[in-house]
Amino acid sequence: MDSRWKAADRRPEVSVWCGPQFGWIDLDPTNALLVEDDHIVIAIGRDYADVSPVDAVILGAGKQQRAASVDVKPVG
């Protein structure tokens, strides 16, 4: 497994405007990388509160568990 995926949980990315010649450049500061085709944008916001994947309140007792998975297929 590529070592950068170890930090994939809620990994921030930054978009920087670099003028009309280069446009927007996307950076992955956690792994010191330029964002390429192997990054998938799932939300855009000014901070984590804007893009939190779950926004809810659970009231109740007992054990709780959460799981998620994603399948990605190339298009074209």
PDB file of N, CA and C in Angstrom:
ATOM      1  N   MET A   1       0.850  -1.185   0.000  1.00  0.00           N
ATOM      2  CA  MET A   1       0.000   0.000   0.000  1.00  0.00           C
ATOM      3  C   MET A   1       0.890   1.240   0.000  1.00  0.00           C
ATOM      4  N   ASP A   2       0.536   2.198  -0.802  1.00  0.00           N
ATOM      5  CA  ASP A   2       1.243   3.469  -0.860  1.00  0.00           C
ATOM      6  C   ASP A   2       1.182   4.131   0.517  1.00  0.00           C
ATOM      7  N   SER A   3       2.316   4.573   1.042  1.00  0.00           N
ATOM      8  CA  SER A   3       2.366   5.089   2.412  1.00  0.00           C
ATOM      9  C   SER A   3       1.502   6.322   2.627  1.00  0.00           C
ATOM     10  N   ARG A   4       1.218   7.095   1.585  1.00  0.00           N
ATOM     11  CA  ARG A   4       0.416   8.301   1.794  1.00  0.00           C
ATOM     12  C   ARG A   4      -1.022   7.985   2.145  1.00  0.00           C
ATOM     13  N   TRP A   5      -1.511   6.782   1.840  1.00  0.00           N
ATOM     14  CA  TRP A   5      -2.891   6.441   2.168  1.00  0.00           C
ATOM     15  C   TRP A   5      -3.065   6.180   3.648  1.00  0.00           C
ATOM     16  N   LYS A   6      -1.985   6.046   4.384  1.00  0.00           N
ATOM     17  CA  LYS A   6      -2.103   5.895   5.829  1.00  0.00           C
ATOM     18  C   LYS A   6      -2.710   7.149   6.453  1.00  0.00           C
ATOM     19  N   ALA A   7      -2.550   8.285   5.800  1.00  0.00           N
ATOM     20  CA  ALA A   7      -3.084   9.551   6.314  1.00  0.00           C
ATOM     21  C   ALA A   7      -4.345   9.973   5.563  1.00  0.00           C
ATOM     22  N   ALA A   8      -5.019   9.026   4.921  1.00  0.00           N
ATOM     23  CA  ALA A   8      -6.141   9.375   4.046  1.00  0.00           C
ATOM     24  C   ALA A   8      -7.409   9.775   4.776  1.00  0.00           C
ATOM     25  N   ASP A   9      -7.540   9.435   6.028  1.00  0.00           N
ATOM     26  CA  ASP A   9      -8.766   9.758   6.758  1.00  0.00           C
ATOM     27  C   ASP A   9      -8.862  11.259   7.000  1.00  0.00           C
ATOM     28  N   ARG A  10      -9.854  11.901   6.396  1.00  0.00           N
ATOM     29  CA  ARG A  10     -10.093  13.341   6.538  1.00  0.00           C
ATOM     30  C   ARG A  10      -8.856  14.163   6.213  1.00  0.00           C
ATOM     31  N   ARG A  11      -8.220  13.839   5.147  1.00  0.00           N
ATOM     32  CA  ARG A  11      -7.002  14.532   4.753  1.00  0.00           C
ATOM     33  C   ARG A  11      -7.352  15.855   4.074  1.00  0.00           C
ATOM     34  N   PRO A  12      -6.812  16.948   4.564  1.00  0.00           N
ATOM     35  CA  PRO A  12      -7.107  18.235   3.932  1.00  0.00           C
ATOM     36  C   PRO A  12      -6.309  18.420   2.646  1.00  0.00           C
ATOM     37  N   GLU A  13      -6.893  19.127   1.730  1.00  0.00           N
ATOM     38  CA  GLU A  13      -6.198  19.557   0.529  1.00  0.00           C
ATOM     39  C   GLU A  13      -6.418  21.048   0.395  1.00  0.00           C
ATOM     40  N   VAL A  14      -5.501  21.714  -0.266  1.00  0.00           N
ATOM     41  CA  VAL A  14      -5.541  23.163  -0.390  1.00  0.00           C
ATOM     42  C   VAL A  14      -5.479  23.524  -1.866  1.00  0.00           C
ATOM     43  N   SER A  15      -6.310  24.464  -2.284  1.00  0.00           N
ATOM     44  CA  SER A  15      -6.252  25.006  -3.641  1.00  0.00           C
ATOM     45  C   SER A  15      -5.677  26.409  -3.574  1.00  0.00           C
ATOM     46  N   VAL A  16      -4.697  26.682  -4.410  1.00  0.00           N
ATOM     47  CA  VAL A  16      -4.011  27.968  -4.407  1.00  0.00           C
ATOM     48  C   VAL A  16      -4.118  28.588  -5.799  1.00  0.00           C
ATOM     49  N   TRP A  17      -4.580  29.854  -5.872  1.00  0.00           N
ATOM     50  CA  TRP A  17      -4.655  30.555  -7.153  1.00  0.00           C
ATOM     51  C   TRP A  17      -3.256  31.049  -7.494  1.00  0.00           C
ATOM     52  N   CYS A  18      -2.729  30.599  -8.631  1.00  0.00           N
ATOM     53  CA  CYS A  18      -1.359  30.938  -9.045  1.00  0.00           C
ATOM     54  C   CYS A  18      -1.341  31.819 -10.284  1.00  0.00           C
ATOM     55  N   GLY A  19      -2.382  32.621 -10.465  1.00  0.00           N
ATOM     56  CA  GLY A  19      -2.444  33.552 -11.582  1.00  0.00           C
ATOM     57  C   GLY A  19      -2.984  32.910 -12.843  1.00  0.00           C
ATOM     58  N   PRO A  20      -3.254  33.729 -13.867  1.00  0.00           N
ATOM     59  CA  PRO A  20      -3.874  33.215 -15.086  1.00  0.00           C
ATOM     60  C   PRO A  20      -3.002  32.216 -15.849  1.00  0.00           C
ATOM     61  N   GLN A  21      -1.704  32.285 -15.678  1.00  0.00           N
ATOM     62  CA  GLN A  21      -0.827  31.359 -16.403  1.00  0.00           C
ATOM     63  C   GLN A  21      -0.976  29.923 -15.888  1.00  0.00           C
ATOM     64  N   PHE A  22      -1.116  29.741 -14.576  1.00  0.00           N
ATOM     65  CA  PHE A  22      -1.186  28.400 -13.995  1.00  0.00           C
ATOM     66  C   PHE A  22      -2.563  28.050 -13.452  1.00  0.00           C
ATOM     67  N   GLY A  23      -3.388  29.037 -13.127  1.00  0.00           N
ATOM     68  CA  GLY A  23      -4.715  28.773 -12.578  1.00  0.00           C
ATOM     69  C   GLY A  23      -4.640  28.243 -11.158  1.00  0.00           C
ATOM     70  N   TRP A  24      -5.588  27.383 -10.799  1.00  0.00           N
ATOM     71  CA  TRP A  24      -5.646  26.800  -9.461  1.00  0.00           C
ATOM     72  C   TRP A  24      -4.709  25.599  -9.391  1.00  0.00           C
ATOM     73  N   ILE A  25      -3.890  25.556  -8.372  1.00  0.00           N
ATOM     74  CA  ILE A  25      -3.008  24.419  -8.103  1.00  0.00           C
ATOM     75  C   ILE A  25      -3.487  23.789  -6.797  1.00  0.00           C
ATOM     76  N   ASP A  26      -3.719  22.476  -6.820  1.00  0.00           N
ATOM     77  CA  ASP A  26      -4.194  21.767  -5.636  1.00  0.00           C
ATOM     78  C   ASP A  26      -3.023  21.060  -4.964  1.00  0.00           C
ATOM     79  N   LEU A  27      -2.943  21.216  -3.636  1.00  0.00           N
ATOM     80  CA  LEU A  27      -1.848  20.649  -2.854  1.00  0.00           C
ATOM     81  C   LEU A  27      -2.382  19.730  -1.766  1.00  0.00           C
ATOM     82  N   ASP A  28      -1.627  18.697  -1.461  1.00  0.00           N
ATOM     83  CA  ASP A  28      -1.903  17.793  -0.343  1.00  0.00           C
ATOM     84  C   ASP A  28      -0.799  18.030   0.688  1.00  0.00           C
ATOM     85  N   PRO A  29      -1.005  18.970   1.633  1.00  0.00           N
ATOM     86  CA  PRO A  29       0.060  19.310   2.570  1.00  0.00           C
ATOM     87  C   PRO A  29       0.401  18.186   3.546  1.00  0.00           C
ATOM     88  N   THR A  30      -0.539  17.291   3.813  1.00  0.00           N
ATOM     89  CA  THR A  30      -0.266  16.176   4.728  1.00  0.00           C
ATOM     90  C   THR A  30       0.863  15.302   4.201  1.00  0.00           C
ATOM     91  N   ASN A  31       0.874  15.093   2.883  1.00  0.00           N
ATOM     92  CA  ASN A  31       1.862  14.211   2.267  1.00  0.00           C
ATOM     93  C   ASN A  31       2.857  14.953   1.376  1.00  0.00           C
ATOM     94  N   ALA A  32       2.827  16.295   1.401  1.00  0.00           N
ATOM     95  CA  ALA A  32       3.738  17.128   0.601  1.00  0.00           C
ATOM     96  C   ALA A  32       3.690  16.744  -0.883  1.00  0.00           C
ATOM     97  N   LEU A  33       2.470  16.710  -1.446  1.00  0.00           N
ATOM     98  CA  LEU A  33       2.273  16.324  -2.837  1.00  0.00           C
ATOM     99  C   LEU A  33       1.403  17.327  -3.578  1.00  0.00           C
ATOM    100  N   LEU A  34       1.579  17.367  -4.892  1.00  0.00           N
ATOM    101  CA  LEU A  34       0.601  18.020  -5.750  1.00  0.00           C
ATOM    102  C   LEU A  34      -0.557  17.042  -5.924  1.00  0.00           C
ATOM    103  N   VAL A  35      -1.778  17.547  -5.926  1.00  0.00           N
ATOM    104  CA  VAL A  35      -2.954  16.696  -6.115  1.00  0.00           C
ATOM    105  C   VAL A  35      -3.004  16.287  -7.583  1.00  0.00           C
ATOM    106  N   GLU A  36      -3.171  14.984  -7.807  1.00  0.00           N
ATOM    107  CA  GLU A  36      -3.248  14.453  -9.173  1.00  0.00           C
ATOM    108  C   GLU A  36      -4.515  13.624  -9.327  1.00  0.00           C
ATOM    109  N   ASP A  37      -4.555  12.759 -10.340  1.00  0.00           N
ATOM    110  CA  ASP A  37      -5.747  11.969 -10.634  1.00  0.00           C
ATOM    111  C   ASP A  37      -6.076  10.936  -9.567  1.00  0.00           C
ATOM    112  N   ASP A  38      -5.138  10.624  -8.677  1.00  0.00           N
ATOM    113  CA  ASP A  38      -5.419   9.628  -7.650  1.00  0.00           C
ATOM    114  C   ASP A  38      -6.017  10.242  -6.382  1.00  0.00           C
ATOM    115  N   HIS A  39      -6.340  11.523  -6.415  1.00  0.00           N
ATOM    116  CA  HIS A  39      -7.058  12.185  -5.331  1.00  0.00           C
ATOM    117  C   HIS A  39      -8.505  12.367  -5.778  1.00  0.00           C
ATOM    118  N   ILE A  40      -9.433  12.149  -4.867  1.00  0.00           N
ATOM    119  CA  ILE A  40     -10.850  12.297  -5.183  1.00  0.00           C
ATOM    120  C   ILE A  40     -11.436  13.358  -4.263  1.00  0.00           C
ATOM    121  N   VAL A  41     -11.921  14.446  -4.852  1.00  0.00           N
ATOM    122  CA  VAL A  41     -12.533  15.519  -4.070  1.00  0.00           C
ATOM    123  C   VAL A  41     -13.962  15.107  -3.733  1.00  0.00           C
ATOM    124  N   ILE A  42     -14.278  15.100  -2.442  1.00  0.00           N
ATOM    125  CA  ILE A  42     -15.637  14.738  -2.043  1.00  0.00           C
ATOM    126  C   ILE A  42     -16.401  15.925  -1.479  1.00  0.00           C
ATOM    127  N   ALA A  43     -15.682  17.010  -1.164  1.00  0.00           N
ATOM    128  CA  ALA A  43     -16.351  18.203  -0.647  1.00  0.00           C
ATOM    129  C   ALA A  43     -15.389  19.384  -0.746  1.00  0.00           C
ATOM    130  N   ILE A  44     -15.957  20.583  -0.817  1.00  0.00           N
ATOM    131  CA  ILE A  44     -15.168  21.812  -0.860  1.00  0.00           C
ATOM    132  C   ILE A  44     -15.725  22.764   0.180  1.00  0.00           C
ATOM    133  N   GLY A  45     -14.853  23.321   1.006  1.00  0.00           N
ATOM    134  CA  GLY A  45     -15.296  24.256   2.027  1.00  0.00           C
ATOM    135  C   GLY A  45     -14.138  25.058   2.568  1.00  0.00           C
ATOM    136  N   ARG A  46     -14.453  26.030   3.407  1.00  0.00           N
ATOM    137  CA  ARG A  46     -13.416  26.883   3.992  1.00  0.00           C
ATOM    138  C   ARG A  46     -12.720  26.224   5.168  1.00  0.00           C
ATOM    139  N   ASP A  47     -13.424  25.325   5.872  1.00  0.00           N
ATOM    140  CA  ASP A  47     -12.816  24.599   6.985  1.00  0.00           C
ATOM    141  C   ASP A  47     -13.580  23.283   7.169  1.00  0.00           C
ATOM    142  N   TYR A  48     -13.135  22.476   8.119  1.00  0.00           N
ATOM    143  CA  TYR A  48     -13.721  21.148   8.298  1.00  0.00           C
ATOM    144  C   TYR A  48     -15.219  21.203   8.602  1.00  0.00           C
ATOM    145  N   ALA A  49     -15.667  22.203   9.305  1.00  0.00           N
ATOM    146  CA  ALA A  49     -17.090  22.313   9.629  1.00  0.00           C
ATOM    147  C   ALA A  49     -17.950  22.440   8.370  1.00  0.00           C
ATOM    148  N   ASP A  50     -17.401  23.020   7.299  1.00  0.00           N
ATOM    149  CA  ASP A  50     -18.143  23.150   6.042  1.00  0.00           C
ATOM    150  C   ASP A  50     -18.285  21.820   5.308  1.00  0.00           C
ATOM    151  N   VAL A  51     -17.380  20.882   5.554  1.00  0.00           N
ATOM    152  CA  VAL A  51     -17.329  19.668   4.735  1.00  0.00           C
ATOM    153  C   VAL A  51     -17.383  18.371   5.540  1.00  0.00           C
ATOM    154  N   SER A  52     -17.782  18.459   6.787  1.00  0.00           N
ATOM    155  CA  SER A  52     -17.862  17.265   7.622  1.00  0.00           C
ATOM    156  C   SER A  52     -18.746  16.216   6.949  1.00  0.00           C
ATOM    157  N   PRO A  53     -18.251  14.971   6.829  1.00  0.00           N
ATOM    158  CA  PRO A  53     -19.036  13.952   6.120  1.00  0.00           C
ATOM    159  C   PRO A  53     -20.296  13.530   6.855  1.00  0.00           C
ATOM    160  N   VAL A  54     -20.353  13.732   8.160  1.00  0.00           N
ATOM    161  CA  VAL A  54     -21.530  13.364   8.938  1.00  0.00           C
ATOM    162  C   VAL A  54     -21.865  14.520   9.871  1.00  0.00           C
ATOM    163  N   ASP A  55     -23.099  14.947   9.848  1.00  0.00           N
ATOM    164  CA  ASP A  55     -23.539  16.011  10.731  1.00  0.00           C
ATOM    165  C   ASP A  55     -24.844  15.542  11.364  1.00  0.00           C
ATOM    166  N   ALA A  56     -24.729  14.957  12.559  1.00  0.00           N
ATOM    167  CA  ALA A  56     -25.918  14.406  13.204  1.00  0.00           C
ATOM    168  C   ALA A  56     -25.677  14.283  14.696  1.00  0.00           C
ATOM    169  N   VAL A  57     -26.747  13.989  15.415  1.00  0.00           N
ATOM    170  CA  VAL A  57     -26.678  13.738  16.850  1.00  0.00           C
ATOM    171  C   VAL A  57     -27.355  12.405  17.104  1.00  0.00           C
ATOM    172  N   ILE A  58     -26.686  11.541  17.878  1.00  0.00           N
ATOM    173  CA  ILE A  58     -27.259  10.250  18.232  1.00  0.00           C
ATOM    174  C   ILE A  58     -27.542  10.261  19.724  1.00  0.00           C
ATOM    175  N   LEU A  59     -28.783  10.004  20.077  1.00  0.00           N
ATOM    176  CA  LEU A  59     -29.170   9.930  21.481  1.00  0.00           C
ATOM    177  C   LEU A  59     -29.520   8.487  21.795  1.00  0.00           C
ATOM    178  N   GLY A  60     -28.884   7.947  22.812  1.00  0.00           N
ATOM    179  CA  GLY A  60     -29.184   6.574  23.191  1.00  0.00           C
ATOM    180  C   GLY A  60     -27.984   5.905  23.813  1.00  0.00           C
ATOM    181  N   ALA A  61     -28.222   4.757  24.369  1.00  0.00           N
ATOM    182  CA  ALA A  61     -27.161   4.004  25.016  1.00  0.00           C
ATOM    183  C   ALA A  61     -26.786   2.810  24.153  1.00  0.00           C
ATOM    184  N   GLY A  62     -25.700   2.191  24.515  1.00  0.00           N
ATOM    185  CA  GLY A  62     -25.284   0.988  23.810  1.00  0.00           C
ATOM    186  C   GLY A  62     -24.102   1.244  22.897  1.00  0.00           C
ATOM    187  N   LYS A  63     -23.527   0.173  22.447  1.00  0.00           N
ATOM    188  CA  LYS A  63     -22.356   0.238  21.565  1.00  0.00           C
ATOM    189  C   LYS A  63     -22.760   0.711  20.169  1.00  0.00           C
ATOM    190  N   GLN A  64     -21.929   1.549  19.602  1.00  0.00           N
ATOM    191  CA  GLN A  64     -22.183   2.054  18.256  1.00  0.00           C
ATOM    192  C   GLN A  64     -20.970   1.760  17.390  1.00  0.00           C
ATOM    193  N   GLN A  65     -21.219   1.539  16.130  1.00  0.00           N
ATOM    194  CA  GLN A  65     -20.141   1.224  15.203  1.00  0.00           C
ATOM    195  C   GLN A  65     -20.450   1.875  13.863  1.00  0.00           C
ATOM    196  N   ARG A  66     -19.415   2.354  13.204  1.00  0.00           N
ATOM    197  CA  ARG A  66     -19.579   2.983  11.898  1.00  0.00           C
ATOM    198  C   ARG A  66     -18.598   2.342  10.927  1.00  0.00           C
ATOM    199  N   ALA A  67     -19.048   2.116   9.713  1.00  0.00           N
ATOM    200  CA  ALA A  67     -18.186   1.575   8.679  1.00  0.00           C
ATOM    201  C   ALA A  67     -18.540   2.224   7.349  1.00  0.00           C
ATOM    202  N   ALA A  68     -17.547   2.364   6.512  1.00  0.00           N
ATOM    203  CA  ALA A  68     -17.773   2.945   5.179  1.00  0.00           C
ATOM    204  C   ALA A  68     -16.781   2.339   4.204  1.00  0.00           C
ATOM    205  N   SER A  69     -17.188   2.279   2.958  1.00  0.00           N
ATOM    206  CA  SER A  69     -16.276   1.815   1.906  1.00  0.00           C
ATOM    207  C   SER A  69     -16.622   2.540   0.612  1.00  0.00           C
ATOM    208  N   VAL A  70     -15.657   2.584  -0.268  1.00  0.00           N
ATOM    209  CA  VAL A  70     -15.830   3.282  -1.548  1.00  0.00           C
ATOM    210  C   VAL A  70     -15.216   2.437  -2.645  1.00  0.00           C
ATOM    211  N   ASP A  71     -15.962   2.264  -3.720  1.00  0.00           N
ATOM    212  CA  ASP A  71     -15.438   1.623  -4.922  1.00  0.00           C
ATOM    213  C   ASP A  71     -15.286   2.704  -5.984  1.00  0.00           C
ATOM    214  N   VAL A  72     -14.151   2.742  -6.635  1.00  0.00           N
ATOM    215  CA  VAL A  72     -13.873   3.763  -7.644  1.00  0.00           C
ATOM    216  C   VAL A  72     -13.586   3.080  -8.978  1.00  0.00           C
ATOM    217  N   LYS A  73     -14.281   3.528 -10.031  1.00  0.00           N
ATOM    218  CA  LYS A  73     -14.047   3.008 -11.372  1.00  0.00           C
ATOM    219  C   LYS A  73     -13.633   4.148 -12.283  1.00  0.00           C
ATOM    220  N   PRO A  74     -12.633   3.945 -13.106  1.00  0.00           N
ATOM    221  CA  PRO A  74     -12.271   4.983 -14.079  1.00  0.00           C
ATOM    222  C   PRO A  74     -13.387   5.162 -15.114  1.00  0.00           C
ATOM    223  N   VAL A  75     -13.599   6.388 -15.526  1.00  0.00           N
ATOM    224  CA  VAL A  75     -14.614   6.688 -16.527  1.00  0.00           C
ATOM    225  C   VAL A  75     -13.906   6.982 -17.849  1.00  0.00           C
ATOM    226  N   GLY A  76     -14.443   6.404 -18.921  1.00  0.00           N
ATOM    227  CA  GLY A  76     -13.886   6.692 -20.240  1.00  0.00           C
ATOM    228  C   GLY A  76     -12.936   5.717 -20.702  1.00  0.00           C
TER     229      GLY A  76
END
